[in-house]
Amino acid sequence: MHQKLKARLDRAFRLTHDLVAHLEEAALRLDLAALPSNRISGQLWCVVGARESYTRAIEAGGWSGFACSLATPPDRMSVLAALESTHARLESLDFAKLNDAQLDLAFDLLEHELQHHGQLIRLVYGNKLTFPESWNQRYTV
């Protein structure tokens, strides 16, 4: 179970990276005009902040607050670098040794990442952008 959770987080993290690598810099400034919506860059800032915050909480065994290392609004290259560093940090965790509280935090992180996938799908469709192949395979978008 622990390794399956880690594998699902890994897949979700790779998908997020694939989308950002696929999008052009200008796409990060897009939102959904006339609808309650933040920009794609705002979604990505929250993803990175959650990865950093939840991973810190998993390591510490408890929540210690939300913080994001990215400037606002972040640029595409800084988002990609942060996605890669947070993915590497996740990879360094030994999921076999996580206790129930740490597993709950890891599940919360997975839920958070996937919730943003849904919002990003909405933003990509709404702005008539395209998806990378990995998103077409995973979500049939």
N, C-alpha and C. Protein backbone atom coordinates (compact mmCIF):
# COMPACT_ATOMS: atom_id res chain seq x y z
N MET A 1 0.82 -1.20 0.00
CA MET A 1 0.00 0.00 0.00
C MET A 1 0.86 1.26 0.00
N HIS A 2 1.90 1.27 0.84
CA HIS A 2 2.76 2.44 0.93
C HIS A 2 3.43 2.73 -0.41
N GLN A 3 3.93 1.69 -1.06
CA GLN A 3 4.62 1.87 -2.34
C GLN A 3 3.64 2.25 -3.44
N LYS A 4 2.42 1.78 -3.35
CA LYS A 4 1.40 2.14 -4.34
C LYS A 4 1.07 3.63 -4.22
N LEU A 5 0.98 4.13 -3.00
CA LEU A 5 0.74 5.55 -2.77
C LEU A 5 1.89 6.37 -3.35
N LYS A 6 3.10 5.94 -3.09
CA LYS A 6 4.27 6.66 -3.61
C LYS A 6 4.25 6.65 -5.14
N ALA A 7 3.87 5.52 -5.74
CA ALA A 7 3.80 5.43 -7.19
C ALA A 7 2.73 6.37 -7.76
N ARG A 8 1.61 6.50 -7.08
CA ARG A 8 0.55 7.40 -7.53
C ARG A 8 0.99 8.87 -7.42
N LEU A 9 1.69 9.19 -6.34
CA LEU A 9 2.23 10.54 -6.21
C LEU A 9 3.24 10.81 -7.32
N ASP A 10 4.09 9.85 -7.59
CA ASP A 10 5.09 9.99 -8.64
C ASP A 10 4.40 10.25 -9.98
N ARG A 11 3.35 9.48 -10.29
CA ARG A 11 2.64 9.67 -11.56
C ARG A 11 2.00 11.06 -11.62
N ALA A 12 1.35 11.48 -10.55
CA ALA A 12 0.72 12.80 -10.52
C ALA A 12 1.77 13.90 -10.69
N PHE A 13 2.90 13.75 -10.01
CA PHE A 13 3.97 14.75 -10.10
C PHE A 13 4.52 14.82 -11.53
N ARG A 14 4.70 13.66 -12.17
CA ARG A 14 5.20 13.63 -13.55
C ARG A 14 4.21 14.30 -14.49
N LEU A 15 2.92 14.05 -14.29
CA LEU A 15 1.91 14.66 -15.13
C LEU A 15 1.93 16.19 -15.01
N THR A 16 2.04 16.69 -13.81
CA THR A 16 2.10 18.14 -13.62
C THR A 16 3.31 18.71 -14.35
N HIS A 17 4.46 18.08 -14.20
CA HIS A 17 5.67 18.53 -14.89
C HIS A 17 5.47 18.51 -16.41
N ASP A 18 4.88 17.43 -16.91
CA ASP A 18 4.65 17.32 -18.36
C ASP A 18 3.82 18.48 -18.88
N LEU A 19 2.77 18.85 -18.14
CA LEU A 19 1.91 19.94 -18.58
C LEU A 19 2.67 21.26 -18.62
N VAL A 20 3.41 21.56 -17.55
CA VAL A 20 4.14 22.83 -17.51
C VAL A 20 5.21 22.86 -18.60
N ALA A 21 5.89 21.75 -18.82
CA ALA A 21 6.90 21.69 -19.88
C ALA A 21 6.26 21.89 -21.25
N HIS A 22 5.02 21.47 -21.40
CA HIS A 22 4.29 21.57 -22.67
C HIS A 22 3.79 22.99 -22.94
N LEU A 23 3.41 23.70 -21.90
CA LEU A 23 2.84 25.04 -22.06
C LEU A 23 3.92 26.07 -22.38
N GLU A 24 3.53 27.11 -23.08
CA GLU A 24 4.43 28.23 -23.33
C GLU A 24 4.35 29.19 -22.14
N GLU A 25 5.38 30.00 -21.99
CA GLU A 25 5.45 30.97 -20.88
C GLU A 25 4.19 31.82 -20.79
N ALA A 26 3.70 32.32 -21.91
CA ALA A 26 2.53 33.20 -21.91
C ALA A 26 1.29 32.51 -21.35
N ALA A 27 1.20 31.20 -21.49
CA ALA A 27 0.03 30.47 -21.00
C ALA A 27 -0.12 30.59 -19.49
N LEU A 28 0.98 30.73 -18.77
CA LEU A 28 0.91 30.81 -17.32
C LEU A 28 0.14 32.04 -16.84
N ARG A 29 0.02 33.05 -17.68
CA ARG A 29 -0.68 34.28 -17.31
C ARG A 29 -2.18 34.22 -17.61
N LEU A 30 -2.63 33.11 -18.18
CA LEU A 30 -4.04 33.00 -18.59
C LEU A 30 -4.94 32.57 -17.43
N ASP A 31 -6.16 33.09 -17.46
CA ASP A 31 -7.20 32.65 -16.54
C ASP A 31 -8.46 32.44 -17.36
N LEU A 32 -9.60 32.38 -16.72
CA LEU A 32 -10.87 32.26 -17.43
C LEU A 32 -11.62 33.57 -17.24
N ALA A 33 -11.59 34.39 -18.25
CA ALA A 33 -12.20 35.72 -18.18
C ALA A 33 -13.67 35.61 -17.81
N ALA A 34 -14.12 36.52 -16.98
CA ALA A 34 -15.52 36.63 -16.57
C ALA A 34 -16.00 35.46 -15.72
N LEU A 35 -15.09 34.61 -15.26
CA LEU A 35 -15.45 33.51 -14.37
C LEU A 35 -14.56 33.57 -13.14
N PRO A 36 -15.05 33.11 -11.98
CA PRO A 36 -14.17 33.05 -10.82
C PRO A 36 -13.01 32.10 -11.13
N SER A 37 -11.83 32.64 -11.25
CA SER A 37 -10.70 31.84 -11.68
C SER A 37 -9.41 32.58 -11.36
N ASN A 38 -8.39 31.82 -10.99
CA ASN A 38 -7.07 32.44 -10.93
C ASN A 38 -6.29 32.02 -12.16
N ARG A 39 -5.11 32.53 -12.30
CA ARG A 39 -4.28 32.21 -13.46
C ARG A 39 -3.67 30.82 -13.34
N ILE A 40 -3.24 30.30 -14.46
CA ILE A 40 -2.52 29.03 -14.46
C ILE A 40 -1.33 29.13 -13.52
N SER A 41 -0.64 30.27 -13.54
CA SER A 41 0.52 30.44 -12.65
C SER A 41 0.10 30.36 -11.18
N GLY A 42 -1.08 30.83 -10.85
CA GLY A 42 -1.58 30.73 -9.47
C GLY A 42 -1.84 29.29 -9.07
N GLN A 43 -2.36 28.51 -9.99
CA GLN A 43 -2.56 27.08 -9.73
C GLN A 43 -1.22 26.41 -9.45
N LEU A 44 -0.23 26.74 -10.26
CA LEU A 44 1.09 26.11 -10.13
C LEU A 44 1.80 26.56 -8.87
N TRP A 45 1.62 27.82 -8.47
CA TRP A 45 2.19 28.32 -7.22
C TRP A 45 1.63 27.50 -6.05
N CYS A 46 0.34 27.24 -6.09
CA CYS A 46 -0.30 26.46 -5.02
C CYS A 46 0.18 25.01 -5.03
N VAL A 47 0.36 24.42 -6.21
CA VAL A 47 0.86 23.05 -6.32
C VAL A 47 2.24 22.95 -5.68
N VAL A 48 3.13 23.87 -6.06
CA VAL A 48 4.49 23.84 -5.51
C VAL A 48 4.47 24.07 -4.00
N GLY A 49 3.69 25.04 -3.55
CA GLY A 49 3.60 25.30 -2.11
C GLY A 49 3.08 24.11 -1.34
N ALA A 50 2.09 23.43 -1.90
CA ALA A 50 1.55 22.23 -1.24
C ALA A 50 2.58 21.12 -1.20
N ARG A 51 3.28 20.92 -2.30
CA ARG A 51 4.32 19.88 -2.31
C ARG A 51 5.37 20.17 -1.25
N GLU A 52 5.81 21.42 -1.19
CA GLU A 52 6.83 21.78 -0.20
C GLU A 52 6.29 21.63 1.22
N SER A 53 5.08 22.10 1.45
CA SER A 53 4.49 22.09 2.79
C SER A 53 4.13 20.69 3.26
N TYR A 54 3.49 19.92 2.40
CA TYR A 54 3.13 18.55 2.79
C TYR A 54 4.35 17.66 2.96
N THR A 55 5.34 17.82 2.09
CA THR A 55 6.55 17.00 2.24
C THR A 55 7.25 17.34 3.55
N ARG A 56 7.32 18.62 3.87
CA ARG A 56 7.91 19.03 5.15
C ARG A 56 7.12 18.42 6.31
N ALA A 57 5.80 18.41 6.19
CA ALA A 57 4.94 17.84 7.24
C ALA A 57 5.13 16.33 7.34
N ILE A 58 5.24 15.65 6.22
CA ILE A 58 5.48 14.21 6.23
C ILE A 58 6.80 13.91 6.93
N GLU A 59 7.83 14.66 6.58
CA GLU A 59 9.15 14.46 7.20
C GLU A 59 9.11 14.71 8.70
N ALA A 60 8.36 15.74 9.12
CA ALA A 60 8.29 16.12 10.53
C ALA A 60 7.26 15.31 11.31
N GLY A 61 6.35 14.66 10.61
CA GLY A 61 5.31 13.90 11.28
C GLY A 61 4.10 14.72 11.68
N GLY A 62 3.99 15.96 11.17
CA GLY A 62 2.85 16.80 11.48
C GLY A 62 2.89 18.10 10.70
N TRP A 63 1.73 18.69 10.54
CA TRP A 63 1.58 19.92 9.76
C TRP A 63 2.25 21.09 10.45
N SER A 64 2.98 21.87 9.67
CA SER A 64 3.65 23.06 10.24
C SER A 64 3.36 24.31 9.43
N GLY A 65 2.29 24.28 8.64
CA GLY A 65 1.88 25.46 7.89
C GLY A 65 2.24 25.41 6.42
N PHE A 66 1.59 26.28 5.66
CA PHE A 66 1.79 26.35 4.21
C PHE A 66 2.78 27.45 3.89
N ALA A 67 3.71 27.14 3.00
CA ALA A 67 4.65 28.13 2.49
C ALA A 67 5.07 27.70 1.09
N CYS A 68 5.32 28.68 0.24
CA CYS A 68 5.77 28.39 -1.12
C CYS A 68 7.02 29.21 -1.42
N SER A 69 8.01 28.56 -1.98
CA SER A 69 9.28 29.22 -2.29
C SER A 69 9.23 30.05 -3.56
N LEU A 70 8.18 29.89 -4.37
CA LEU A 70 8.10 30.62 -5.63
C LEU A 70 7.65 32.06 -5.43
N ALA A 71 8.18 32.93 -6.28
CA ALA A 71 7.68 34.30 -6.33
C ALA A 71 6.30 34.27 -6.96
N THR A 72 5.55 35.34 -6.78
CA THR A 72 4.25 35.42 -7.45
C THR A 72 4.24 36.62 -8.37
N PRO A 73 3.82 36.49 -9.59
CA PRO A 73 3.54 35.21 -10.26
C PRO A 73 4.85 34.53 -10.67
N PRO A 74 4.87 33.23 -10.61
CA PRO A 74 6.10 32.52 -10.99
C PRO A 74 6.26 32.43 -12.51
N ASP A 75 7.49 32.35 -12.96
CA ASP A 75 7.74 32.12 -14.38
C ASP A 75 7.87 30.61 -14.62
N ARG A 76 7.76 30.22 -15.86
CA ARG A 76 7.73 28.81 -16.23
C ARG A 76 8.98 28.07 -15.80
N MET A 77 10.15 28.66 -15.98
CA MET A 77 11.39 27.97 -15.63
C MET A 77 11.51 27.76 -14.12
N SER A 78 11.09 28.73 -13.32
CA SER A 78 11.16 28.54 -11.87
C SER A 78 10.13 27.50 -11.41
N VAL A 79 8.98 27.44 -12.07
CA VAL A 79 8.00 26.41 -11.75
C VAL A 79 8.57 25.04 -12.07
N LEU A 80 9.16 24.88 -13.26
CA LEU A 80 9.73 23.59 -13.64
C LEU A 80 10.82 23.16 -12.66
N ALA A 81 11.69 24.10 -12.28
CA ALA A 81 12.76 23.77 -11.32
C ALA A 81 12.18 23.34 -9.98
N ALA A 82 11.13 24.04 -9.52
CA ALA A 82 10.51 23.69 -8.25
C ALA A 82 9.78 22.35 -8.33
N LEU A 83 9.14 22.08 -9.47
CA LEU A 83 8.48 20.79 -9.63
C LEU A 83 9.51 19.66 -9.59
N GLU A 84 10.65 19.87 -10.21
CA GLU A 84 11.70 18.85 -10.21
C GLU A 84 12.29 18.66 -8.82
N SER A 85 12.55 19.74 -8.10
CA SER A 85 13.15 19.60 -6.77
C SER A 85 12.17 18.99 -5.77
N THR A 86 10.88 19.34 -5.88
CA THR A 86 9.91 18.74 -4.95
C THR A 86 9.69 17.27 -5.29
N HIS A 87 9.79 16.91 -6.55
CA HIS A 87 9.66 15.50 -6.94
C HIS A 87 10.85 14.71 -6.40
N ALA A 88 12.04 15.27 -6.50
CA ALA A 88 13.23 14.60 -5.97
C ALA A 88 13.12 14.42 -4.46
N ARG A 89 12.58 15.41 -3.79
CA ARG A 89 12.42 15.32 -2.33
C ARG A 89 11.44 14.21 -1.98
N LEU A 90 10.35 14.09 -2.74
CA LEU A 90 9.40 13.00 -2.53
C LEU A 90 10.09 11.65 -2.73
N GLU A 91 10.89 11.55 -3.78
CA GLU A 91 11.59 10.30 -4.07
C GLU A 91 12.51 9.87 -2.93
N SER A 92 13.01 10.84 -2.18
CA SER A 92 13.94 10.51 -1.09
C SER A 92 13.24 9.96 0.15
N LEU A 93 11.91 10.08 0.22
CA LEU A 93 11.17 9.58 1.38
C LEU A 93 11.03 8.07 1.32
N ASP A 94 11.21 7.43 2.46
CA ASP A 94 11.02 5.98 2.56
C ASP A 94 9.58 5.73 3.01
N PHE A 95 8.70 5.48 2.06
CA PHE A 95 7.29 5.32 2.36
C PHE A 95 7.02 4.09 3.23
N ALA A 96 7.89 3.11 3.19
CA ALA A 96 7.69 1.91 4.01
C ALA A 96 7.76 2.22 5.49
N LYS A 97 8.40 3.31 5.86
CA LYS A 97 8.56 3.67 7.27
C LYS A 97 7.56 4.73 7.75
N LEU A 98 6.63 5.15 6.90
CA LEU A 98 5.68 6.18 7.30
C LEU A 98 4.64 5.63 8.27
N ASN A 99 4.33 6.42 9.29
CA ASN A 99 3.26 6.03 10.21
C ASN A 99 1.91 6.51 9.66
N ASP A 100 0.84 6.23 10.37
CA ASP A 100 -0.50 6.56 9.87
C ASP A 100 -0.67 8.06 9.64
N ALA A 101 -0.17 8.89 10.54
CA ALA A 101 -0.30 10.34 10.39
C ALA A 101 0.45 10.82 9.14
N GLN A 102 1.63 10.26 8.91
CA GLN A 102 2.41 10.63 7.73
C GLN A 102 1.73 10.14 6.45
N LEU A 103 1.14 8.95 6.50
CA LEU A 103 0.41 8.44 5.34
C LEU A 103 -0.80 9.32 5.02
N ASP A 104 -1.50 9.78 6.05
CA ASP A 104 -2.62 10.69 5.84
C ASP A 104 -2.16 11.96 5.13
N LEU A 105 -1.03 12.49 5.54
CA LEU A 105 -0.50 13.69 4.89
C LEU A 105 -0.13 13.40 3.44
N ALA A 106 0.42 12.23 3.17
CA ALA A 106 0.77 11.86 1.80
C ALA A 106 -0.49 11.72 0.94
N PHE A 107 -1.55 11.14 1.50
CA PHE A 107 -2.82 11.06 0.77
C PHE A 107 -3.38 12.45 0.52
N ASP A 108 -3.28 13.34 1.51
CA ASP A 108 -3.74 14.72 1.34
C ASP A 108 -2.97 15.40 0.20
N LEU A 109 -1.67 15.17 0.13
CA LEU A 109 -0.87 15.74 -0.94
C LEU A 109 -1.33 15.22 -2.30
N LEU A 110 -1.58 13.92 -2.40
CA LEU A 110 -2.05 13.36 -3.66
C LEU A 110 -3.40 13.97 -4.06
N GLU A 111 -4.32 14.06 -3.11
CA GLU A 111 -5.63 14.66 -3.38
C GLU A 111 -5.47 16.10 -3.86
N HIS A 112 -4.58 16.85 -3.22
CA HIS A 112 -4.37 18.24 -3.59
C HIS A 112 -3.84 18.36 -5.01
N GLU A 113 -2.85 17.55 -5.34
CA GLU A 113 -2.25 17.60 -6.68
C GLU A 113 -3.30 17.26 -7.74
N LEU A 114 -4.10 16.24 -7.49
CA LEU A 114 -5.10 15.82 -8.47
C LEU A 114 -6.23 16.84 -8.59
N GLN A 115 -6.59 17.49 -7.50
CA GLN A 115 -7.61 18.54 -7.56
C GLN A 115 -7.12 19.65 -8.49
N HIS A 116 -5.84 19.97 -8.42
CA HIS A 116 -5.30 21.00 -9.32
C HIS A 116 -5.25 20.50 -10.76
N HIS A 117 -5.08 19.21 -10.97
CA HIS A 117 -5.15 18.69 -12.34
C HIS A 117 -6.52 19.02 -12.94
N GLY A 118 -7.57 18.83 -12.16
CA GLY A 118 -8.91 19.16 -12.63
C GLY A 118 -9.05 20.63 -12.97
N GLN A 119 -8.51 21.49 -12.11
CA GLN A 119 -8.60 22.92 -12.39
C GLN A 119 -7.76 23.30 -13.60
N LEU A 120 -6.60 22.67 -13.74
CA LEU A 120 -5.75 22.95 -14.90
C LEU A 120 -6.40 22.48 -16.19
N ILE A 121 -7.10 21.35 -16.15
CA ILE A 121 -7.83 20.90 -17.33
C ILE A 121 -8.85 21.96 -17.74
N ARG A 122 -9.56 22.47 -16.77
CA ARG A 122 -10.56 23.53 -17.03
C ARG A 122 -9.91 24.75 -17.66
N LEU A 123 -8.75 25.16 -17.13
CA LEU A 123 -8.05 26.33 -17.65
C LEU A 123 -7.48 26.09 -19.05
N VAL A 124 -6.94 24.90 -19.29
CA VAL A 124 -6.39 24.59 -20.61
C VAL A 124 -7.51 24.56 -21.65
N TYR A 125 -8.60 23.87 -21.36
CA TYR A 125 -9.74 23.86 -22.27
C TYR A 125 -10.28 25.27 -22.49
N GLY A 126 -10.50 26.00 -21.41
CA GLY A 126 -11.09 27.33 -21.50
C GLY A 126 -10.26 28.31 -22.30
N ASN A 127 -8.96 28.08 -22.37
CA ASN A 127 -8.08 28.96 -23.12
C ASN A 127 -7.66 28.37 -24.46
N LYS A 128 -8.31 27.26 -24.85
CA LYS A 128 -8.06 26.60 -26.13
C LYS A 128 -6.59 26.25 -26.34
N LEU A 129 -5.97 25.77 -25.26
CA LEU A 129 -4.59 25.29 -25.32
C LEU A 129 -4.62 23.79 -25.57
N THR A 130 -3.47 23.20 -25.70
CA THR A 130 -3.40 21.76 -25.91
C THR A 130 -2.74 21.08 -24.72
N PHE A 131 -2.90 19.77 -24.66
CA PHE A 131 -2.35 18.96 -23.59
C PHE A 131 -1.19 18.13 -24.12
N PRO A 132 -0.24 17.79 -23.23
CA PRO A 132 0.80 16.85 -23.64
C PRO A 132 0.20 15.45 -23.77
N GLU A 133 0.90 14.59 -24.48
CA GLU A 133 0.41 13.22 -24.71
C GLU A 133 0.11 12.48 -23.41
N SER A 134 0.93 12.71 -22.38
CA SER A 134 0.71 12.00 -21.11
C SER A 134 -0.65 12.34 -20.51
N TRP A 135 -1.12 13.56 -20.69
CA TRP A 135 -2.43 13.94 -20.19
C TRP A 135 -3.53 13.32 -21.05
N ASN A 136 -3.29 13.23 -22.35
CA ASN A 136 -4.26 12.56 -23.24
C ASN A 136 -4.41 11.10 -22.84
N GLN A 137 -3.30 10.45 -22.50
CA GLN A 137 -3.34 9.04 -22.10
C GLN A 137 -4.00 8.87 -20.73
N ARG A 138 -3.70 9.73 -19.78
CA ARG A 138 -4.19 9.57 -18.42
C ARG A 138 -5.64 10.01 -18.28
N TYR A 139 -5.98 11.17 -18.85
CA TYR A 139 -7.29 11.77 -18.63
C TYR A 139 -8.18 11.78 -19.87
N THR A 140 -7.74 11.26 -20.95
CA THR A 140 -8.48 11.29 -22.22
C THR A 140 -9.01 12.68 -22.54
N VAL A 141 -8.11 13.66 -22.45
CA VAL A 141 -8.50 15.05 -22.76
C VAL A 141 -8.28 15.34 -24.23
